[in-house]
Amino acid sequence: MIVLVGYVLVGNILHLYLFPEQQVVKEAYPIVGDTMVNRFAKERYIVLKTDRETNGRYAEVELHLEPGGAIPEAHIHSNYDETFIVLQGELNLVIDGTELHLGPGEAHTVPKGTPHQPFNRGSREFVGIVRVNPPAQWALFITQFHGFLTEKQEPRNDFEFFLQAMLVSGFYGDTYLASPPISVQKALAFIVAPTARLLGYKSWKLENSLKWRR
C-alpha cells in the first residue's frame, strides 16, 4: 500500500507539475466544417458553430446517426446544458434511466449534470442539431475523443477507453461517464492518469484535429 501511494503521489507530481501536458495549440481547435466520423458507433458530426462564431454563447454541430448508431457511452456534462433538435428520422434519448423518443421538429434539452445517451433505434438515418450552452471545451473534446476512438482499425477495448476517459476527465473537466459518481471518477483519475501518461496516452493530439479538416 505504501508503494502504491508513493507511486500515485510521485506520478502526479510528474504528470501535473514537472511534465504537464502541453497547452492546446490554436490549430487544434475545431473550425466550422470539421467532420468527425466514427464508423464503429455509426455516427458523424459536422461542426456548425464554435464559441468564436457565437461570441462564447454556445457551440453547435450537426449529428448523423445511422440506424443502430449511438453515442458510445452514457455520460454527464457538468458545466453545460445540451440540446438535441431532430431534423430527420428519430432519436431516442436515455436520460437518467428514462427513455425519451423525439421525432422531426421536436427538441429536448438535457440539463448539466444529468446522465444521458442518444440512440437511433429507427430504420432510417437520424439527422439533428446538437447545441451546448455555454460552449466550454465541448467542440474540442468531441474532436479529440473521436480522434482517439478511431485511431486504430478496430474499436478501442474497455481498458483503453477507461484509461483515456480518466485522463481527459481531468484535462477538460466537463465530461464524465454516467457511473460511478463523479467524485469517484475524479479520485480514479488522480490515481490512473499518471499511468495513462506513462503508457503514451494524451488528452489531445494535433493530428486528431487535422484529420477531420476538409
Protein backbone atom coordinates (compact mmCIF):
# COMPACT_ATOMS: atom_id res chain seq x y z
CA MET A 1 0.00 0.00 0.00
CA ILE A 2 2.82 2.41 0.86
CA VAL A 3 4.44 1.68 -2.51
CA LEU A 4 1.13 2.33 -4.32
CA VAL A 5 0.55 5.62 -2.51
CA GLY A 6 4.11 6.69 -3.26
CA TYR A 7 3.70 5.78 -6.93
CA VAL A 8 0.48 7.79 -7.23
CA LEU A 9 1.92 10.84 -5.48
CA VAL A 10 5.18 10.85 -7.41
CA GLY A 11 3.30 10.09 -10.63
CA ASN A 12 1.04 13.10 -10.16
CA ILE A 13 3.95 15.39 -9.35
CA LEU A 14 5.50 14.33 -12.66
CA HIS A 15 2.18 14.42 -14.55
CA LEU A 16 0.87 17.74 -13.24
CA TYR A 17 3.93 19.80 -12.36
CA LEU A 18 7.23 18.59 -13.79
CA PHE A 19 5.99 17.25 -17.14
CA PRO A 20 2.46 18.62 -17.62
CA GLU A 21 0.66 18.08 -20.89
CA GLN A 22 1.29 20.75 -23.49
CA GLN A 23 -1.29 23.50 -23.77
CA VAL A 24 -3.61 23.06 -26.74
CA VAL A 25 -2.29 24.94 -29.78
CA LYS A 26 -4.57 27.19 -31.80
CA GLU A 27 -4.50 24.88 -34.83
CA ALA A 28 -6.03 22.05 -32.79
CA TYR A 29 -9.25 23.90 -32.03
CA PRO A 30 -12.12 22.84 -34.32
CA ILE A 31 -13.37 25.11 -37.06
CA VAL A 32 -16.65 25.26 -38.96
CA GLY A 33 -16.88 22.35 -41.39
CA ASP A 34 -14.70 19.90 -39.47
CA THR A 35 -16.35 16.49 -39.90
CA MET A 36 -15.81 13.66 -37.43
CA VAL A 37 -16.71 10.11 -38.44
CA ASN A 38 -16.82 7.18 -36.02
CA ARG A 39 -17.72 4.14 -38.09
CA PHE A 40 -17.70 1.91 -35.00
CA ALA A 41 -20.61 3.82 -33.45
CA LYS A 42 -22.25 4.73 -36.79
CA GLU A 43 -22.03 8.42 -36.00
CA ARG A 44 -20.89 11.56 -37.80
CA TYR A 45 -20.50 15.13 -36.53
CA ILE A 46 -20.20 18.29 -38.62
CA VAL A 47 -19.11 21.43 -36.76
CA LEU A 48 -21.59 24.24 -37.50
CA LYS A 49 -20.61 26.87 -34.92
CA THR A 50 -17.91 27.16 -32.30
CA ASP A 51 -17.68 29.68 -29.47
CA ARG A 52 -15.89 32.01 -31.90
CA GLU A 53 -18.95 32.32 -34.14
CA THR A 54 -21.33 32.88 -31.21
CA ASN A 55 -19.21 35.20 -29.04
CA GLY A 56 -18.90 32.47 -26.44
CA ARG A 57 -22.64 31.84 -26.07
CA TYR A 58 -22.91 28.28 -27.44
CA ALA A 59 -21.43 25.69 -29.82
CA GLU A 60 -23.34 23.65 -32.36
CA VAL A 61 -22.84 20.56 -34.51
CA GLU A 62 -24.91 18.56 -36.96
CA LEU A 63 -25.18 14.97 -35.74
CA HIS A 64 -25.83 11.98 -38.01
CA LEU A 65 -26.61 8.54 -36.57
CA GLU A 66 -27.15 5.56 -38.84
CA PRO A 67 -29.81 3.02 -37.80
CA GLY A 68 -28.46 1.25 -34.73
CA GLY A 69 -25.99 4.06 -34.08
CA ALA A 70 -25.38 5.57 -30.67
CA ILE A 71 -23.04 7.86 -28.78
CA PRO A 72 -20.55 5.32 -27.35
CA GLU A 73 -21.29 5.68 -23.60
CA ALA A 74 -23.83 7.24 -21.26
CA HIS A 75 -22.20 10.37 -19.90
CA ILE A 76 -22.57 13.59 -17.93
CA HIS A 77 -21.65 17.17 -18.81
CA SER A 78 -21.05 19.02 -15.57
CA ASN A 79 -20.69 22.53 -16.98
CA TYR A 80 -23.27 22.94 -19.74
CA ASP A 81 -26.75 22.05 -20.98
CA GLU A 82 -27.05 20.02 -24.19
CA THR A 83 -29.98 20.44 -26.59
CA PHE A 84 -30.94 17.89 -29.26
CA ILE A 85 -33.07 19.10 -32.19
CA VAL A 86 -34.42 16.49 -34.64
CA LEU A 87 -34.32 17.41 -38.33
CA GLN A 88 -34.77 13.96 -39.87
CA GLY A 89 -35.54 10.49 -38.57
CA GLU A 90 -35.99 9.68 -34.90
CA LEU A 91 -33.86 9.98 -31.78
CA ASN A 92 -34.10 8.04 -28.56
CA LEU A 93 -32.57 9.78 -25.55
CA VAL A 94 -31.94 7.78 -22.41
CA ILE A 95 -31.90 10.42 -19.68
CA ASP A 96 -31.09 9.32 -16.15
CA GLY A 97 -32.55 5.86 -16.87
CA THR A 98 -35.71 7.07 -18.64
CA GLU A 99 -36.03 6.80 -22.42
CA LEU A 100 -37.45 9.70 -24.42
CA HIS A 101 -38.48 9.45 -28.09
CA LEU A 102 -38.14 12.51 -30.36
CA GLY A 103 -39.41 12.93 -33.91
CA PRO A 104 -38.83 15.57 -36.62
CA GLY A 105 -39.28 19.11 -35.34
CA GLU A 106 -39.00 18.09 -31.71
CA ALA A 107 -36.24 19.08 -29.32
CA HIS A 108 -35.12 18.36 -25.79
CA THR A 109 -32.55 19.95 -23.51
CA VAL A 110 -30.56 17.77 -21.14
CA PRO A 111 -29.61 19.87 -18.09
CA LYS A 112 -26.00 19.86 -16.99
CA GLY A 113 -25.18 17.13 -14.51
CA THR A 114 -27.74 14.71 -15.98
CA PRO A 115 -26.66 11.26 -17.30
CA HIS A 116 -27.74 10.75 -20.91
CA GLN A 117 -27.06 8.76 -24.08
CA PRO A 118 -28.55 9.26 -27.58
CA PHE A 119 -29.52 6.28 -29.77
CA ASN A 120 -31.04 5.79 -33.20
CA ARG A 121 -33.39 2.84 -32.82
CA GLY A 122 -35.22 3.71 -36.04
CA SER A 123 -34.87 2.32 -39.56
CA ARG A 124 -33.58 5.48 -41.23
CA GLU A 125 -30.70 7.86 -40.62
CA PHE A 126 -31.12 10.39 -37.85
CA VAL A 127 -30.01 13.95 -38.60
CA GLY A 128 -30.19 16.64 -35.97
CA ILE A 129 -28.60 19.64 -34.33
CA VAL A 130 -26.77 19.34 -31.03
CA ARG A 131 -26.16 22.59 -29.16
CA VAL A 132 -24.32 23.12 -25.89
CA ASN A 133 -24.66 26.22 -23.75
CA PRO A 134 -22.22 27.55 -22.66
CA PRO A 135 -19.73 26.05 -25.14
CA ALA A 136 -16.94 25.28 -22.64
CA GLN A 137 -14.43 22.96 -24.38
CA TRP A 138 -17.09 20.65 -25.82
CA ALA A 139 -16.20 21.05 -29.52
CA LEU A 140 -12.52 20.44 -28.80
CA PHE A 141 -13.37 17.47 -26.58
CA ILE A 142 -15.52 15.66 -29.15
CA THR A 143 -12.95 16.36 -31.87
CA GLN A 144 -10.18 14.86 -29.81
CA PHE A 145 -12.07 11.97 -28.26
CA HIS A 146 -13.42 10.79 -31.61
CA GLY A 147 -9.89 11.05 -32.94
CA PHE A 148 -8.81 8.71 -30.15
CA LEU A 149 -11.70 6.30 -30.77
CA THR A 150 -10.83 5.96 -34.46
CA GLU A 151 -7.02 5.88 -34.33
CA LYS A 152 -6.96 2.11 -34.81
CA GLN A 153 -8.53 -0.18 -37.39
CA GLU A 154 -10.56 -1.88 -34.66
CA PRO A 155 -12.66 -0.40 -31.84
CA ARG A 156 -10.95 0.61 -28.63
CA ASN A 157 -11.24 -2.02 -25.90
CA ASP A 158 -12.70 -1.26 -22.48
CA PHE A 159 -9.29 -0.85 -20.83
CA GLU A 160 -8.08 1.65 -23.45
CA PHE A 161 -11.36 3.56 -23.20
CA PHE A 162 -11.09 3.67 -19.41
CA LEU A 163 -7.52 4.98 -19.44
CA GLN A 164 -8.36 7.74 -21.91
CA ALA A 165 -11.58 8.66 -20.09
CA MET A 166 -9.73 9.02 -16.80
CA LEU A 167 -7.01 11.16 -18.40
CA VAL A 168 -9.30 13.54 -20.30
CA SER A 169 -11.79 13.97 -17.44
CA GLY A 170 -9.11 15.86 -15.56
CA PHE A 171 -7.86 17.77 -18.60
CA TYR A 172 -11.23 19.02 -19.91
CA GLY A 173 -13.10 18.92 -16.61
CA ASP A 174 -16.61 18.84 -18.04
CA THR A 175 -17.41 15.35 -19.36
CA TYR A 176 -17.66 12.22 -17.21
CA LEU A 177 -19.07 8.71 -17.52
CA ALA A 178 -22.59 8.25 -16.15
CA SER A 179 -21.22 5.99 -13.42
CA PRO A 180 -19.58 5.69 -10.96
CA PRO A 181 -20.28 9.04 -9.23
CA ILE A 182 -18.19 11.98 -10.47
CA SER A 183 -16.41 12.21 -7.12
CA VAL A 184 -15.26 8.59 -7.54
CA GLN A 185 -14.18 9.26 -11.14
CA LYS A 186 -12.11 12.24 -10.01
CA ALA A 187 -10.39 10.05 -7.44
CA LEU A 188 -9.81 7.35 -10.06
CA ALA A 189 -8.46 9.95 -12.48
CA PHE A 190 -5.96 11.10 -9.86
CA ILE A 191 -4.78 7.51 -9.46
CA VAL A 192 -4.90 6.41 -13.11
CA ALA A 193 -3.84 9.49 -15.11
CA PRO A 194 -0.09 9.16 -14.42
CA THR A 195 -0.17 5.55 -15.64
CA ALA A 196 -2.09 6.58 -18.75
CA ARG A 197 0.56 9.20 -19.50
CA LEU A 198 3.31 6.63 -18.90
CA LEU A 199 1.64 4.33 -21.44
CA GLY A 200 1.62 7.09 -24.07
CA TYR A 201 -1.93 8.38 -23.77
CA LYS A 202 -2.54 12.08 -24.39
CA SER A 203 -5.51 14.35 -23.77
CA TRP A 204 -5.08 15.93 -27.18
CA LYS A 205 -3.07 15.47 -30.36
CA LEU A 206 -2.88 17.92 -33.24
CA GLU A 207 -3.35 15.10 -35.74
CA ASN A 208 -6.64 14.19 -34.07
CA SER A 209 -7.97 17.60 -35.07
CA LEU A 210 -6.43 17.93 -38.51
CA LYS A 211 -7.73 14.50 -39.62
CA TRP A 212 -11.28 15.92 -39.56
CA ARG A 213 -10.49 19.05 -41.56
CA ARG A 214 -11.91 19.20 -45.09
